[in-house]
Protein backbone atom coordinates (compact mmCIF):
# COMPACT_ATOMS: atom_id res chain seq x y z
CA MET A 1 33.09 16.97 -70.97
CA PRO A 2 36.48 17.75 -69.40
CA LYS A 3 36.98 20.61 -67.01
CA HIS A 4 39.62 23.21 -67.75
CA ASP A 5 41.26 25.43 -65.17
CA ASN A 6 42.74 28.62 -66.60
CA GLY A 7 44.64 30.56 -63.95
CA GLY A 8 42.25 32.83 -62.05
CA ARG A 9 39.15 31.27 -63.58
CA LYS A 10 36.99 28.71 -61.89
CA SER A 11 36.19 25.40 -63.52
CA ILE A 12 34.48 25.58 -66.87
CA LEU A 13 32.05 22.99 -68.13
CA ILE A 14 30.97 23.42 -71.72
CA ASN A 15 28.31 21.45 -73.56
CA PHE A 16 29.72 21.85 -77.07
CA GLN A 17 26.57 21.04 -79.03
CA ASN A 18 24.73 23.75 -77.17
CA PHE A 19 27.61 26.20 -77.07
CA LEU A 20 27.73 26.09 -80.84
CA ALA A 21 24.64 28.27 -80.65
CA PHE A 22 27.08 30.93 -79.40
CA GLY A 23 26.03 30.94 -75.79
CA LEU A 24 22.38 31.58 -76.54
CA VAL A 25 20.73 28.32 -75.44
CA GLU A 26 19.74 27.06 -72.04
CA ASN A 27 21.97 24.03 -71.46
CA LEU A 28 25.23 25.94 -71.53
CA ARG A 29 26.92 26.23 -68.14
CA VAL A 30 30.05 28.32 -67.83
CA GLU A 31 31.27 28.96 -64.29
CA MET A 32 33.92 31.64 -64.37
CA LEU A 33 35.00 34.95 -62.95
CA ARG A 34 33.30 37.89 -64.55
CA PRO A 35 35.50 39.79 -67.02
CA CYS A 36 37.77 42.17 -65.14
CA PRO A 37 41.13 43.87 -65.69
CA TYR A 38 42.86 40.97 -63.93
CA VAL A 39 41.38 38.43 -66.32
CA ARG A 40 42.21 40.54 -69.37
CA CYS A 41 45.77 40.98 -68.08
CA PHE A 42 46.00 37.25 -67.40
CA HIS A 43 45.06 36.37 -70.97
CA ARG A 44 47.44 38.97 -72.42
CA CYS A 45 50.18 37.36 -70.34
CA LEU A 46 49.03 33.94 -71.53
CA ALA A 47 49.28 34.97 -75.18
CA THR A 48 52.68 36.55 -74.54
CA SER A 49 53.89 33.40 -72.80
CA ILE A 50 52.77 31.19 -75.67
CA SER A 51 54.26 33.51 -78.28
CA SER A 52 57.66 33.25 -76.59
CA SER A 53 57.43 29.50 -76.10
CA SER A 54 59.37 26.87 -77.99
CA GLN A 55 56.31 26.16 -80.13
CA VAL A 56 56.83 29.57 -81.73
CA GLN A 57 60.55 30.23 -81.39
CA ALA A 58 61.92 26.75 -82.16
CA PRO A 59 62.60 25.65 -85.76
CA LEU A 60 59.37 25.02 -87.66
CA ASN A 61 60.48 22.49 -90.25
CA PHE A 62 60.17 18.87 -89.12
CA LEU A 63 62.34 16.29 -90.87
CA SER A 64 63.39 12.81 -89.81
CA GLY A 65 61.55 13.06 -86.51
CA LYS A 66 62.88 16.39 -85.26
CA ARG A 67 62.55 20.14 -85.70
CA CYS A 68 65.10 21.83 -87.92
CA ASP A 69 65.75 25.03 -89.81
CA PRO A 70 65.87 25.07 -93.62
CA SER A 71 69.32 24.42 -95.05
CA GLU A 72 68.67 27.21 -97.54
CA ASN A 73 66.47 30.26 -97.10
CA ILE A 74 64.58 31.45 -100.18
CA GLY A 75 62.80 34.20 -98.23
CA ASN A 76 61.03 34.93 -94.95
CA PHE A 77 57.40 35.40 -94.00
CA ASP A 78 55.92 36.96 -90.89
CA LEU A 79 54.11 34.87 -88.29
CA LYS A 80 51.47 37.09 -86.69
CA TYR A 81 48.98 36.63 -83.87
CA PRO A 82 45.70 37.70 -85.51
CA ALA A 83 44.15 39.20 -82.36
CA THR A 84 46.95 41.73 -81.86
CA ASP A 85 48.41 41.86 -85.39
CA GLU A 86 51.74 41.43 -83.60
CA THR A 87 54.61 39.83 -85.50
CA LEU A 88 55.80 36.93 -83.36
CA ARG A 89 58.75 36.02 -85.55
CA GLN A 90 59.93 35.62 -89.10
CA VAL A 91 59.80 32.13 -90.57
CA PRO A 92 62.24 31.06 -93.31
CA SER A 93 60.79 29.45 -96.44
CA SER A 94 62.11 26.09 -97.58
CA GLY A 95 63.74 25.84 -100.97
CA GLU A 96 64.45 23.03 -103.39
CA ARG A 97 67.18 21.45 -101.28
CA ASP A 98 64.87 21.11 -98.27
CA VAL A 99 61.93 19.84 -100.30
CA ASN A 100 64.22 17.23 -101.83
CA GLU A 101 65.45 16.23 -98.38
CA ALA A 102 61.91 15.95 -97.01
CA VAL A 103 60.82 13.73 -99.88
CA SER A 104 64.01 11.67 -99.59
CA GLN A 105 63.40 11.12 -95.88
CA ALA A 106 59.79 10.15 -96.64
CA ARG A 107 60.91 7.64 -99.27
CA GLU A 108 63.33 6.10 -96.80
CA GLY A 109 60.62 5.91 -94.15
CA PHE A 110 58.25 4.30 -96.63
CA ARG A 111 60.51 1.26 -96.95
CA SER A 112 59.80 0.14 -93.39
CA TRP A 113 56.42 1.77 -92.66
CA SER A 114 54.70 0.24 -95.67
CA LYS A 115 55.88 -3.23 -94.63
CA LEU A 116 54.17 -3.10 -91.25
CA SER A 117 50.75 -4.68 -90.85
CA GLY A 118 47.72 -2.44 -90.75
CA PHE A 119 47.24 -3.42 -87.13
CA GLU A 120 50.74 -2.22 -86.24
CA ARG A 121 50.30 1.06 -88.09
CA GLY A 122 46.92 1.54 -86.47
CA ASN A 123 48.37 1.13 -83.00
CA VAL A 124 50.76 4.01 -83.65
CA LEU A 125 47.90 6.24 -84.77
CA LYS A 126 45.74 5.32 -81.80
CA ARG A 127 48.60 6.13 -79.43
CA ALA A 128 49.01 9.46 -81.20
CA ALA A 129 45.31 10.21 -80.73
CA ASN A 130 45.61 9.60 -76.99
CA ILE A 131 48.64 11.89 -76.76
CA MET A 132 46.69 14.61 -78.59
CA ARG A 133 43.93 14.32 -76.00
CA GLU A 134 46.46 14.57 -73.18
CA ARG A 135 47.90 17.72 -74.76
CA LEU A 136 44.54 19.16 -75.79
CA GLU A 137 44.99 22.42 -73.90
CA GLU A 138 48.49 23.11 -75.23
CA LEU A 139 47.41 22.34 -78.78
CA ALA A 140 44.28 24.48 -78.44
CA GLN A 141 46.16 27.46 -76.96
CA THR A 142 48.63 27.31 -79.84
CA GLU A 143 45.84 26.93 -82.40
CA VAL A 144 44.33 30.19 -81.08
CA LEU A 145 47.69 31.91 -81.49
CA ASP A 146 47.82 30.65 -85.08
CA THR A 147 44.23 31.45 -86.09
CA GLY A 148 42.67 34.00 -83.74
CA LYS A 149 39.59 31.80 -83.22
CA PRO A 150 37.95 31.51 -79.77
CA ILE A 151 39.60 29.09 -77.36
CA TRP A 152 36.48 26.94 -76.88
CA GLU A 153 36.29 26.44 -80.63
CA ALA A 154 39.98 25.51 -80.81
CA ARG A 155 39.47 22.90 -78.08
CA CYS A 156 36.65 21.33 -80.05
CA ASP A 157 38.84 21.34 -83.17
CA VAL A 158 41.65 19.52 -81.37
CA GLN A 159 39.27 16.94 -79.93
CA GLY A 160 37.86 16.32 -83.40
CA CYS A 161 41.36 15.92 -84.84
CA ALA A 162 42.27 13.39 -82.16
CA ASP A 163 39.09 11.47 -82.96
CA THR A 164 39.97 11.40 -86.67
CA VAL A 165 43.48 10.07 -86.01
CA ASP A 166 41.95 7.47 -83.67
CA TYR A 167 39.36 6.54 -86.31
CA TYR A 168 41.93 5.84 -89.01
CA GLY A 169 44.01 3.97 -86.47
CA GLY A 170 41.03 1.67 -86.07
CA LEU A 171 40.48 1.32 -89.82
CA ALA A 172 44.11 0.53 -90.65
CA ALA A 173 43.82 -3.18 -89.79
CA ARG A 174 40.75 -3.51 -92.03
CA ILE A 175 42.42 -2.35 -95.25
CA SER A 176 42.26 -5.40 -97.47
CA GLY A 177 41.54 -6.66 -100.96
CA GLU A 178 38.97 -9.10 -102.31
CA PHE A 179 38.90 -12.74 -103.38
CA LEU A 180 37.03 -13.75 -106.53
CA PRO A 181 36.56 -17.46 -107.33
CA LEU A 182 36.54 -18.24 -111.07
CA SER A 183 35.80 -21.24 -113.24
CA ASN A 184 37.77 -24.51 -113.10
CA GLY A 185 39.22 -23.76 -109.70
CA CYS A 186 40.99 -20.60 -110.85
CA PHE A 187 40.70 -17.46 -108.81
CA SER A 188 41.70 -13.84 -108.59
CA TYR A 189 42.49 -11.67 -105.65
CA THR A 190 43.18 -7.98 -105.15
CA VAL A 191 45.56 -6.19 -102.82
CA ARG A 192 45.26 -2.58 -101.67
CA GLU A 193 48.74 -1.09 -101.61
CA PRO A 194 49.99 2.34 -100.55
CA LEU A 195 50.87 4.93 -103.17
CA GLY A 196 54.23 6.01 -101.75
CA VAL A 197 55.09 9.54 -100.62
CA VAL A 198 52.03 11.78 -100.30
CA GLY A 199 52.32 15.57 -100.36
CA GLY A 200 49.84 17.82 -98.61
CA ILE A 201 49.16 21.56 -98.61
CA GLY A 202 46.80 23.00 -96.01
CA ALA A 203 44.64 26.09 -95.57
CA TRP A 204 44.84 28.47 -92.63
CA ASN A 205 41.34 28.22 -91.13
CA TYR A 206 41.77 24.77 -89.53
CA PRO A 207 45.54 24.17 -89.47
CA LEU A 208 45.65 21.15 -87.15
CA GLN A 209 42.66 19.62 -88.91
CA MET A 210 44.40 20.00 -92.27
CA ALA A 211 47.45 18.14 -91.01
CA SER A 212 45.54 15.39 -89.20
CA TRP A 213 42.76 14.82 -91.77
CA LYS A 214 45.38 14.36 -94.50
CA SER A 215 48.18 12.59 -92.67
CA SER A 216 46.22 10.01 -90.65
CA PRO A 217 44.52 8.21 -93.57
CA ALA A 218 47.74 8.44 -95.60
CA LEU A 219 49.72 6.84 -92.77
CA ALA A 220 47.03 4.25 -92.04
CA CYS A 221 47.36 3.01 -95.62
CA GLY A 222 51.15 2.70 -95.37
CA ASN A 223 52.12 5.92 -97.15
CA THR A 224 54.51 8.51 -95.79
CA PHE A 225 53.75 12.21 -95.74
CA VAL A 226 55.28 15.60 -96.51
CA PHE A 227 53.11 18.57 -95.53
CA LYS A 228 53.31 22.30 -96.16
CA PRO A 229 51.06 24.27 -93.80
CA SER A 230 49.72 27.68 -94.72
CA PRO A 231 52.35 30.34 -94.00
CA LEU A 232 49.72 32.11 -91.86
CA THR A 233 49.38 29.13 -89.50
CA PRO A 234 52.60 27.09 -89.30
CA LEU A 235 52.61 25.96 -85.65
CA THR A 236 50.35 23.05 -84.78
CA ALA A 237 51.29 20.86 -87.75
CA VAL A 238 54.79 20.68 -86.26
CA MET A 239 53.35 19.79 -82.86
CA LEU A 240 51.47 16.94 -84.55
CA GLY A 241 54.81 15.68 -85.84
CA GLU A 242 56.13 15.57 -82.29
CA VAL A 243 52.99 13.71 -81.21
CA TYR A 244 53.52 11.11 -83.96
CA LYS A 245 57.18 10.76 -82.96
CA GLU A 246 56.27 10.09 -79.33
CA ALA A 247 53.62 7.60 -80.44
CA GLY A 248 56.27 5.53 -82.25
CA LEU A 249 56.02 6.70 -85.86
CA PRO A 250 59.38 5.96 -87.53
CA ASP A 251 61.54 8.93 -88.51
CA GLY A 252 60.85 10.28 -91.97
CA CYS A 253 57.24 9.14 -92.15
CA TYR A 254 55.80 12.59 -91.33
CA ASN A 255 57.65 15.70 -92.46
CA ILE A 256 56.88 19.43 -92.41
CA ILE A 257 58.32 22.04 -94.74
CA GLN A 258 57.37 25.67 -94.20
CA GLY A 259 57.06 28.14 -97.02
CA GLU A 260 54.94 30.16 -99.37
CA THR A 261 53.92 29.67 -103.00
CA LYS A 262 57.32 28.63 -104.32
CA THR A 263 57.71 25.92 -101.68
CA GLY A 264 54.30 24.54 -102.55
CA GLN A 265 55.19 24.45 -106.23
CA LEU A 266 58.39 22.56 -105.50
CA LEU A 267 56.47 19.98 -103.49
CA THR A 268 53.68 19.59 -106.04
CA THR A 269 56.03 19.09 -109.00
CA HIS A 270 58.52 16.83 -107.23
CA PRO A 271 58.92 13.64 -109.32
CA ASN A 272 58.87 11.36 -106.26
CA ILE A 273 55.55 12.62 -104.90
CA ALA A 274 52.87 10.05 -105.76
CA LYS A 275 49.84 12.08 -104.69
CA MET A 276 48.91 15.61 -103.63
CA SER A 277 46.15 16.50 -101.21
CA PHE A 278 45.23 20.18 -101.19
CA THR A 279 42.72 22.34 -99.35
CA GLY A 280 42.27 25.92 -100.47
CA SER A 281 40.93 28.12 -103.25
CA VAL A 282 39.61 26.96 -106.62
CA PRO A 283 42.26 28.84 -108.66
CA THR A 284 45.13 27.33 -106.66
CA GLY A 285 43.51 23.89 -106.72
CA SER A 286 43.23 24.13 -110.50
CA LYS A 287 46.95 24.92 -110.78
CA ILE A 288 47.86 22.00 -108.52
CA MET A 289 45.69 19.65 -110.57
CA GLU A 290 47.37 20.89 -113.76
CA ALA A 291 50.84 20.35 -112.27
CA CYS A 292 49.92 16.85 -111.07
CA ALA A 293 48.56 15.95 -114.51
CA LYS A 294 52.01 16.30 -116.04
CA ASP A 295 53.29 13.39 -113.96
CA ILE A 296 49.91 11.59 -113.70
CA LYS A 297 49.88 12.05 -109.93
CA HIS A 298 46.89 11.14 -107.79
CA VAL A 299 45.16 14.23 -106.43
CA THR A 300 42.56 15.10 -103.80
CA LEU A 301 41.15 18.62 -103.74
CA GLU A 302 38.91 20.25 -101.14
CA LEU A 303 38.16 23.67 -102.54
CA GLY A 304 35.77 26.56 -102.05
CA GLY A 305 32.06 26.71 -101.47
CA LYS A 306 29.09 29.04 -101.84
CA SER A 307 26.61 26.77 -100.21
CA PRO A 308 22.85 27.21 -99.74
CA CYS A 309 21.07 26.97 -96.40
CA ILE A 310 17.35 26.53 -97.07
CA ILE A 311 14.81 27.50 -94.40
CA PHE A 312 11.32 26.15 -95.15
CA GLU A 313 8.14 27.54 -93.60
CA ASP A 314 7.50 24.41 -91.50
CA CYS A 315 10.89 24.47 -89.75
CA ASN A 316 11.53 24.77 -86.04
CA LEU A 317 12.32 28.48 -86.12
CA GLU A 318 14.74 28.54 -83.21
CA ASN A 319 16.71 25.62 -84.64
CA ALA A 320 16.73 27.25 -88.07
CA VAL A 321 18.15 30.48 -86.67
CA THR A 322 20.80 28.53 -84.76
CA GLY A 323 21.61 26.59 -87.91
CA ALA A 324 21.98 29.74 -90.00
CA MET A 325 24.41 31.12 -87.42
CA LEU A 326 26.39 27.88 -87.41
CA ALA A 327 26.40 28.05 -91.19
CA ASN A 328 27.98 31.51 -91.22
CA PHE A 329 29.74 32.60 -88.04
CA LEU A 330 32.06 29.82 -86.83
CA THR A 331 35.77 30.71 -87.08
CA GLN A 332 34.87 34.29 -88.01
CA GLY A 333 33.03 32.97 -91.08
CA GLN A 334 36.26 31.54 -92.52
CA VAL A 335 34.84 28.08 -93.28
CA CYS A 336 34.68 26.62 -96.78
CA SER A 337 31.44 24.71 -96.16
CA ASN A 338 29.53 27.72 -94.86
CA GLY A 339 25.94 28.14 -96.01
CA THR A 340 26.28 31.82 -96.84
CA ARG A 341 23.28 31.87 -99.20
CA VAL A 342 20.44 31.63 -96.69
CA PHE A 343 17.15 31.05 -98.54
CA VAL A 344 14.17 31.82 -96.28
CA HIS A 345 10.54 31.11 -97.21
CA LYS A 346 8.74 34.44 -97.61
CA SER A 347 6.03 33.52 -95.11
CA ILE A 348 8.49 33.34 -92.18
CA MET A 349 11.00 36.00 -93.23
CA GLY A 350 9.82 38.50 -90.59
CA PRO A 351 10.09 36.35 -87.44
CA PHE A 352 13.20 34.57 -88.75
CA LEU A 353 15.07 37.81 -89.38
CA ALA A 354 13.99 39.37 -86.07
CA GLN A 355 15.27 36.45 -84.03
CA LEU A 356 18.43 36.12 -86.13
CA VAL A 357 19.39 39.79 -85.75
CA GLU A 358 18.65 39.81 -82.02
CA ARG A 359 20.82 36.75 -81.37
CA THR A 360 23.63 37.86 -83.68
CA LYS A 361 23.91 41.20 -81.88
CA ARG A 362 24.36 39.31 -78.60
CA MET A 363 27.44 37.48 -79.85
CA LYS A 364 30.53 38.58 -77.95
CA ILE A 365 33.43 39.86 -80.02
CA GLY A 366 36.63 39.82 -78.04
CA ASP A 367 39.86 38.29 -76.82
CA PRO A 368 40.07 34.77 -78.29
CA TYR A 369 41.52 33.45 -75.02
CA LEU A 370 38.45 34.49 -73.00
CA GLU A 371 36.02 31.64 -72.47
CA ASP A 372 32.89 33.64 -73.30
CA THR A 373 34.18 35.12 -76.56
CA THR A 374 32.22 33.86 -79.56
CA VAL A 375 33.82 35.97 -82.31
CA GLY A 376 37.58 36.12 -82.61
CA ALA A 377 39.89 37.94 -84.99
CA THR A 378 40.00 37.77 -88.77
CA ILE A 379 43.17 35.94 -89.81
CA SER A 380 44.93 38.93 -91.42
CA LYS A 381 44.55 42.48 -92.67
CA GLN A 382 44.49 41.15 -96.23
CA GLN A 383 41.50 38.92 -95.47
CA PHE A 384 39.82 41.74 -93.53
CA ASP A 385 40.14 44.01 -96.56
CA ILE A 386 38.61 41.33 -98.79
CA VAL A 387 35.62 40.90 -96.47
CA MET A 388 35.02 44.65 -96.20
CA ARG A 389 35.22 45.08 -99.98
CA TYR A 390 32.51 42.45 -100.44
CA ILE A 391 30.28 44.20 -97.90
CA GLU A 392 30.73 47.58 -99.58
CA LEU A 393 30.12 46.08 -103.02
CA ALA A 394 26.97 44.38 -101.73
CA LYS A 395 25.61 47.72 -100.56
CA LYS A 396 26.42 49.32 -103.92
CA GLU A 397 24.58 46.49 -105.70
CA GLY A 398 21.46 47.03 -103.60
CA ALA A 399 21.80 44.85 -100.50
CA THR A 400 21.04 46.27 -97.06
CA VAL A 401 23.12 45.67 -93.94
CA VAL A 402 20.76 45.02 -91.01
CA CYS A 403 23.45 43.92 -88.57
CA GLY A 404 27.22 44.16 -88.23
CA GLY A 405 29.69 44.44 -91.06
CA GLU A 406 32.01 46.85 -89.25
CA ARG A 407 35.46 46.71 -87.74
CA VAL A 408 35.25 46.54 -83.95
CA THR A 409 37.84 47.66 -81.40
CA VAL A 410 37.44 45.32 -78.44
CA ASP A 411 40.51 46.27 -76.39
CA PRO A 412 43.32 48.78 -76.96
CA HIS A 413 45.79 45.91 -76.63
CA LEU A 414 44.03 43.86 -79.33
CA ARG A 415 44.94 45.64 -82.54
CA GLY A 416 43.86 42.84 -84.84
CA TYR A 417 41.01 42.90 -87.32
CA PHE A 418 37.73 42.09 -85.59
CA VAL A 419 34.57 42.24 -87.69
CA SER A 420 31.03 42.20 -86.32
CA PRO A 421 29.02 39.37 -87.95
CA CYS A 422 27.18 40.83 -90.92
CA ILE A 423 23.63 40.09 -92.10
CA LEU A 424 22.58 41.30 -95.55
CA VAL A 425 18.97 41.47 -96.79
CA ASN A 426 17.43 42.55 -100.09
CA CYS A 427 19.94 40.25 -101.76
CA GLU A 428 19.52 38.97 -105.32
CA ASP A 429 21.03 35.93 -106.98
CA HIS A 430 23.11 37.99 -109.41
CA MET A 431 24.94 40.00 -106.73
CA THR A 432 28.66 39.47 -106.36
CA VAL A 433 28.37 38.72 -102.64
CA VAL A 434 25.84 35.99 -103.45
CA ARG A 435 27.87 34.48 -106.29
CA GLU A 436 31.40 34.52 -104.84
CA GLU A 437 32.96 33.04 -101.71
CA VAL A 438 33.65 35.81 -99.19
CA PHE A 439 35.35 33.76 -96.46
CA GLY A 440 34.17 36.01 -93.67
CA SER A 441 31.15 36.46 -91.40
CA VAL A 442 28.82 37.73 -94.10
CA MET A 443 25.36 36.12 -94.40
CA SER A 444 23.28 36.86 -97.50
CA ILE A 445 19.54 36.32 -96.97
CA LEU A 446 17.30 35.62 -99.95
CA THR A 447 13.60 34.75 -100.02
CA PHE A 448 11.74 32.10 -102.01
CA ASP A 449 8.18 30.92 -102.67
CA SER A 450 8.36 27.25 -103.71
CA GLU A 451 10.45 24.14 -103.31
CA GLU A 452 11.11 23.85 -107.05
CA GLU A 453 12.25 27.46 -107.21
CA VAL A 454 14.68 27.23 -104.31
CA ILE A 455 16.25 24.00 -105.61
CA ARG A 456 16.89 25.61 -108.98
CA ARG A 457 18.42 28.70 -107.41
CA ALA A 458 20.45 26.74 -104.86
CA ASN A 459 22.02 24.66 -107.65
CA ASP A 460 22.83 27.74 -109.75
CA SER A 461 26.50 27.81 -108.76
CA GLU A 462 29.82 26.52 -110.07
CA LEU A 463 30.49 25.24 -106.57
CA GLY A 464 28.86 22.36 -104.71
CA LEU A 465 30.54 21.75 -101.40
CA ALA A 466 27.70 21.70 -98.87
CA GLY A 467 24.12 22.68 -98.13
CA GLY A 468 21.54 22.78 -95.37
CA ILE A 469 17.80 22.05 -95.21
CA PHE A 470 15.55 23.05 -92.30
CA THR A 471 12.09 21.49 -92.34
CA SER A 472 9.89 19.31 -90.17
CA ASN A 473 8.79 17.30 -93.22
CA LEU A 474 11.28 14.45 -93.65
CA GLN A 475 9.85 13.51 -97.03
CA ARG A 476 10.59 17.03 -98.24
CA ALA A 477 14.02 16.92 -96.61
CA TYR A 478 14.90 13.71 -98.43
CA ARG A 479 13.50 15.02 -101.71
CA VAL A 480 15.44 18.29 -101.56
CA ALA A 481 18.65 16.58 -100.42
CA SER A 482 18.41 14.27 -103.42
CA ALA A 483 18.03 17.25 -105.75
CA LEU A 484 20.81 19.45 -104.39
CA GLU A 485 24.13 19.33 -106.25
CA ALA A 486 26.47 19.22 -103.26
CA GLY A 487 28.69 16.68 -101.59
CA SER A 488 27.95 17.34 -97.90
CA LEU A 489 24.40 18.07 -96.78
CA TYR A 490 22.86 18.75 -93.37
CA ILE A 491 19.21 18.30 -92.46
CA ASN A 492 18.08 20.40 -89.47
CA ASN A 493 21.66 21.22 -88.50
CA TYR A 494 24.76 22.69 -90.12
CA ASN A 495 28.56 22.42 -90.08
CA VAL A 496 28.78 19.24 -88.02
CA TYR A 497 31.56 16.81 -88.91
CA PRO A 498 31.13 13.49 -87.09
CA VAL A 499 34.19 11.32 -87.58
CA GLY A 500 33.48 8.67 -90.19
CA VAL A 501 31.16 10.84 -92.32
CA PRO A 502 32.85 11.58 -95.68
CA PHE A 503 33.37 15.25 -96.46
CA GLY A 504 33.91 16.73 -99.92
CA GLY A 505 32.24 18.52 -102.78
CA TYR A 506 30.70 18.37 -106.22
CA LYS A 507 31.56 20.48 -109.27
CA LYS A 508 34.41 22.96 -108.69
CA SER A 509 34.40 22.33 -104.95
CA GLY A 510 36.85 19.49 -105.38
CA LEU A 511 37.70 15.85 -105.92
CA GLY A 512 37.77 13.04 -103.39
CA ARG A 513 36.57 12.73 -99.82
CA GLU A 514 38.07 13.24 -96.37
CA ASN A 515 37.12 12.14 -92.84
CA GLY A 516 35.39 8.86 -93.80
CA PRO A 517 36.11 5.28 -94.88
CA ASP A 518 35.98 6.31 -98.55
CA THR A 519 39.12 8.35 -97.96
CA LEU A 520 41.24 5.18 -97.85
CA ASP A 521 40.42 4.57 -101.52
CA TYR A 522 42.21 7.82 -102.38
CA TYR A 523 45.41 6.80 -100.57
CA THR A 524 45.75 3.31 -102.00
CA GLN A 525 46.00 1.60 -105.37
CA VAL A 526 44.57 -1.80 -106.31
CA LYS A 527 46.71 -4.65 -107.57
CA SER A 528 44.83 -7.53 -109.24
CA VAL A 529 46.34 -11.02 -109.30
CA TYR A 530 44.95 -13.87 -111.47
CA VAL A 531 45.88 -17.42 -110.42
CA GLU A 532 45.63 -20.24 -112.99
CA MET A 533 45.03 -23.67 -111.42
CA GLY A 534 45.03 -25.70 -114.64
CA ASP A 535 47.03 -26.02 -117.83
CA VAL A 536 47.57 -22.97 -119.97
CA GLU A 537 45.42 -22.95 -123.09
CA ALA A 538 46.43 -21.08 -126.24
CA PRO A 539 45.57 -21.18 -129.98
CA PHE A 540 49.21 -21.73 -130.90
């Protein structure tokens, strides 16, 4: 793994797979200065420096290969750093004129980009991936400013995004049709062609991932792209545009428009958008799907989850505890695939809970720029209020908080909304916190007796994004995985996203897949051509 040198700190070497256990496993080595006033001051200065940088203060729309301000302002929204709740600047929302211009630029770019070979398009994406790796630290520091997540987690996010762009760069040359020989020397062939201009709307928990997971397969297939980031996290999607520009992507092929709900509606309903790709809530996804239906647009939706994480009695207990933490506490619990319904076999509930609580209490809540922080800041006061309401409602409905669930003040200079990871016991399937997506670090623990019972209860949800199974019996693992109604399953691990593995959900968790080869099917359309090699026969 690469070494990073942050000012007064010594070199840091992080084994990511082990560090995902939140610093609680043996093979993690972090060589750094112990926390001291100098280090805290250094990171406050770092955040201040980034907040005043061009990444924040420069225009945040990106059209025709360069940053620009909207030509019309239909309102402003505040850009805040979650850890301090400080307003960094106001960002103008793009109106109809700017959406039209972005789509027009994308249509113009499509004329040339779609005519390139897959190999040529792939080379651009692979160069972009290398530039992302070169700028990993700058991208990660800015991602922290956008999201409030710990810096080590942001670095891993950026590396994963670069790998995804690289992956689709490699697949671009392999996009092809099929040849079908027919009788009497006739034949048919198919061609996979791009759709045109693709629109994307991203969520705020993984802003760079939203932009890269959606744009790279779209571009690999020959489409062009117009993206609206979440208004809470507008920064790194623009930086990705600059990366693409440097890599040789023609102007107009990747465009960013900033804005809130109205801007998203203008993009979704634009007559020259061929497809929309959206990540976010089920209600908003339903509205986007309805809007796209009016023009028969293609649509990909990655929506919410209320996923089960099933802990069987024959599991490796330490791994199961680590998995449950991964399933609930990454990115302050703000992860759609989280396994927030943790089903634990009754026979191991005692030792499982004891180890889980002990390790959760050792997680460090603090400054996201400090290397040993494992819990950063909730994205906003609004989301903090939502999380706390769910915790209070859970207690009223009979659940018991055995750990966390409180606002934490970590530093007088960090006035953001930090929440200690919460573990709830005495939960029942009917409780609101068990039925609805919280989108915060709130783990609901339920017990079960039999495999048949836990499968039935795990599937009792309108959502079906993900799920986890911890057992040493691979026959059972395969059997349960086959029975679970979810699109992305993990056996003896959780929340890992290797590039090339399709990600997406069943039921109301969405349509389509991202991050794998299947994704290319959702960004292309098939043209069939029949070739007659003989005389034309007809009854007239």
